[in-house]
N, C-alpha and C. Protein backbone atom coordinates (compact mmCIF):
# COMPACT_ATOMS: atom_id res chain seq x y z
N UNK A 1 114.80 109.07 110.86
CA UNK A 1 115.02 110.29 110.35
C UNK A 1 113.75 110.03 108.72
N UNK A 2 112.97 111.42 108.57
CA UNK A 2 111.58 110.85 107.54
C UNK A 2 112.03 110.69 106.21
N UNK A 3 111.22 110.20 105.58
CA UNK A 3 111.11 109.93 104.41
C UNK A 3 111.61 111.78 103.54
N UNK A 4 111.03 112.47 103.81
CA UNK A 4 110.93 113.57 103.29
C UNK A 4 112.41 114.40 103.84
N UNK A 5 112.92 114.04 104.93
CA UNK A 5 114.64 114.33 105.26
C UNK A 5 115.23 113.56 104.49
N UNK A 6 115.31 112.35 103.70
CA UNK A 6 115.98 111.59 103.25
C UNK A 6 115.93 111.89 101.69
N UNK A 7 114.70 112.56 101.12
CA UNK A 7 114.56 113.00 99.77
C UNK A 7 115.34 114.10 99.97
N UNK A 8 115.14 115.18 100.75
CA UNK A 8 115.90 116.36 100.99
C UNK A 8 117.20 116.23 100.52
N UNK A 9 117.83 115.19 101.58
CA UNK A 9 119.27 114.92 101.26
C UNK A 9 120.00 114.22 99.98
N UNK A 10 119.11 113.44 99.63
CA UNK A 10 119.46 113.01 98.09
C UNK A 10 119.28 114.46 97.14
N UNK A 11 118.34 115.31 97.34
CA UNK A 11 118.56 116.34 96.19
C UNK A 11 119.84 117.07 96.41
N UNK A 12 120.11 117.60 98.01
CA UNK A 12 121.41 117.89 98.01
C UNK A 12 122.68 117.34 96.96
N UNK A 13 122.93 116.13 97.33
CA UNK A 13 123.65 115.69 96.49
C UNK A 13 123.71 115.20 94.81
N UNK A 14 122.28 115.64 94.41
CA UNK A 14 121.81 115.06 92.83
C UNK A 14 122.88 116.40 92.02
N UNK A 15 123.51 115.85 90.84
CA UNK A 15 123.95 117.10 90.20
C UNK A 15 122.96 117.71 89.29
N UNK A 16 123.17 119.05 88.74
CA UNK A 16 122.32 119.78 88.55
C UNK A 16 121.25 119.66 87.54
N UNK A 17 121.87 118.53 86.16
CA UNK A 17 121.37 118.07 84.74
C UNK A 17 120.42 117.48 85.60
N UNK A 18 120.51 116.93 86.43
CA UNK A 18 119.40 115.55 86.81
C UNK A 18 118.12 116.00 87.44
N UNK A 19 118.20 117.32 87.58
CA UNK A 19 117.30 117.87 88.53
C UNK A 19 116.08 118.20 87.79
N UNK A 20 116.03 118.81 86.43
CA UNK A 20 115.24 118.86 85.46
C UNK A 20 114.48 117.84 85.08
N UNK A 21 115.04 116.76 84.96
CA UNK A 21 114.48 115.34 84.74
C UNK A 21 113.57 114.82 85.88
N UNK A 22 113.93 114.99 86.99
CA UNK A 22 113.37 114.72 88.55
C UNK A 22 111.97 115.37 88.70
N UNK A 23 112.43 117.13 88.03
CA UNK A 23 110.71 117.82 88.30
C UNK A 23 109.86 117.14 87.56
N UNK A 24 110.32 116.96 86.42
CA UNK A 24 109.47 116.38 84.88
C UNK A 24 108.63 114.98 85.72
N UNK A 25 109.39 114.35 86.36
CA UNK A 25 108.83 113.06 86.84
C UNK A 25 108.07 113.43 87.98
N UNK A 26 108.06 114.49 88.81
CA UNK A 26 107.51 114.46 89.91
C UNK A 26 106.35 115.40 89.40
N UNK A 27 106.35 116.42 88.65
CA UNK A 27 105.02 116.90 87.87
C UNK A 27 104.05 115.89 87.43
N UNK A 28 104.75 114.67 86.67
CA UNK A 28 104.04 113.90 85.92
C UNK A 28 103.19 112.83 87.24
N UNK A 29 103.69 112.94 87.96
CA UNK A 29 102.91 112.04 89.15
C UNK A 29 101.63 112.71 89.61
N UNK A 30 101.86 114.11 89.56
CA UNK A 30 100.44 114.73 89.91
C UNK A 30 99.19 114.76 88.74
N UNK A 31 99.76 114.58 87.88
CA UNK A 31 99.10 114.21 86.74
C UNK A 31 98.51 113.01 86.22
N UNK A 32 99.17 111.95 86.45
CA UNK A 32 99.23 110.59 85.86
C UNK A 32 97.55 109.82 86.37
N UNK A 33 97.05 109.58 85.83
CA UNK A 33 95.59 109.09 85.81
C UNK A 33 95.92 107.82 87.06
N UNK A 34 96.48 107.16 87.29
CA UNK A 34 97.20 106.08 88.15
C UNK A 34 98.10 105.54 88.42
N UNK A 35 98.26 104.74 89.58
CA UNK A 35 99.72 104.62 89.41
C UNK A 35 99.93 103.59 88.17
N UNK A 36 99.63 103.20 87.42
CA UNK A 36 99.75 102.02 86.73
C UNK A 36 100.80 102.98 85.46
N UNK A 37 100.61 104.19 85.35
CA UNK A 37 101.20 105.19 84.05
C UNK A 37 102.99 105.27 84.36
N UNK A 38 102.98 105.24 86.18
CA UNK A 38 104.08 105.97 86.53
C UNK A 38 105.55 105.14 85.81
N UNK A 39 105.41 103.62 86.20
CA UNK A 39 106.88 103.22 85.38
C UNK A 39 107.08 103.81 84.11
N UNK A 40 105.89 103.90 83.12
CA UNK A 40 106.30 104.25 81.91
C UNK A 40 106.80 105.62 81.75
N UNK A 41 106.00 106.58 82.61
CA UNK A 41 106.51 107.81 82.71
C UNK A 41 107.62 107.90 83.24
N UNK A 42 107.94 107.31 84.14
CA UNK A 42 109.42 107.29 84.64
C UNK A 42 110.62 107.03 83.77
N UNK A 43 110.33 105.63 82.79
CA UNK A 43 110.94 105.22 81.89
C UNK A 43 111.21 106.05 80.81
N UNK A 44 110.18 106.83 80.10
CA UNK A 44 110.16 107.37 78.79
C UNK A 44 111.28 108.43 79.01
N UNK A 45 111.79 109.05 79.81
CA UNK A 45 112.90 110.08 79.49
C UNK A 45 114.17 109.67 79.60
N UNK A 46 114.61 108.27 80.20
CA UNK A 46 116.03 107.85 80.53
C UNK A 46 116.02 107.16 79.11
N UNK A 47 114.84 106.60 78.76
CA UNK A 47 114.63 105.43 77.22
C UNK A 47 114.86 106.26 76.13
N UNK A 48 114.38 107.82 76.17
CA UNK A 48 114.48 108.36 74.88
C UNK A 48 115.67 108.51 74.49
N UNK A 49 116.92 108.71 74.93
CA UNK A 49 118.35 109.10 74.42
C UNK A 49 118.24 108.10 73.15
N UNK A 50 118.04 106.55 73.69
CA UNK A 50 118.58 105.32 73.41
C UNK A 50 117.41 105.08 71.98
N UNK A 51 116.34 105.73 71.98
CA UNK A 51 114.96 105.42 71.19
C UNK A 51 115.13 106.57 69.77
N UNK A 52 115.38 107.82 70.55
CA UNK A 52 115.49 108.77 69.13
C UNK A 52 116.78 109.09 68.65
N UNK A 53 117.49 107.85 67.98
CA UNK A 53 118.57 107.99 67.26
C UNK A 53 118.49 107.25 65.77
N UNK A 54 119.43 108.13 65.22
CA UNK A 54 119.26 107.43 63.42
C UNK A 54 119.30 105.87 63.43
N UNK A 55 120.40 105.48 64.07
CA UNK A 55 120.55 104.29 64.45
C UNK A 55 119.14 103.28 64.78
N UNK A 56 118.45 103.60 65.81
CA UNK A 56 117.38 103.12 66.00
C UNK A 56 115.89 103.29 64.80
N UNK A 57 116.05 104.46 64.33
CA UNK A 57 115.09 104.46 63.05
C UNK A 57 115.38 103.86 62.17
N UNK A 58 116.63 103.47 61.90
CA UNK A 58 117.17 102.86 60.56
C UNK A 58 116.69 101.12 61.02
N UNK A 59 116.65 100.90 62.13
CA UNK A 59 116.84 99.62 62.71
C UNK A 59 115.26 99.24 62.55
N UNK A 60 114.20 100.35 62.48
CA UNK A 60 113.10 100.08 62.53
C UNK A 60 112.28 100.31 61.28
N UNK A 61 113.08 100.71 60.54
CA UNK A 61 112.27 101.35 59.13
C UNK A 61 111.89 100.67 58.39
N UNK A 62 112.28 99.09 57.94
CA UNK A 62 112.00 98.04 57.56
C UNK A 62 110.36 97.54 57.97
N UNK A 63 110.33 97.56 58.99
CA UNK A 63 108.74 97.27 59.78
C UNK A 63 107.61 97.88 59.20
């Protein structure tokens, strides 16, 4: 089975709410200046839910 077929199979199983994040990541791959940026771009949306909280703001307020 080809990589494209494996990806298609996974897409069929993926919940709809994750498809928006996947699309954003796929588009970022085309725009990234190099492969070094990919891990940061991939992690950004996943970690944003933890970073963008009042508790996190409070923890960093004194720095």
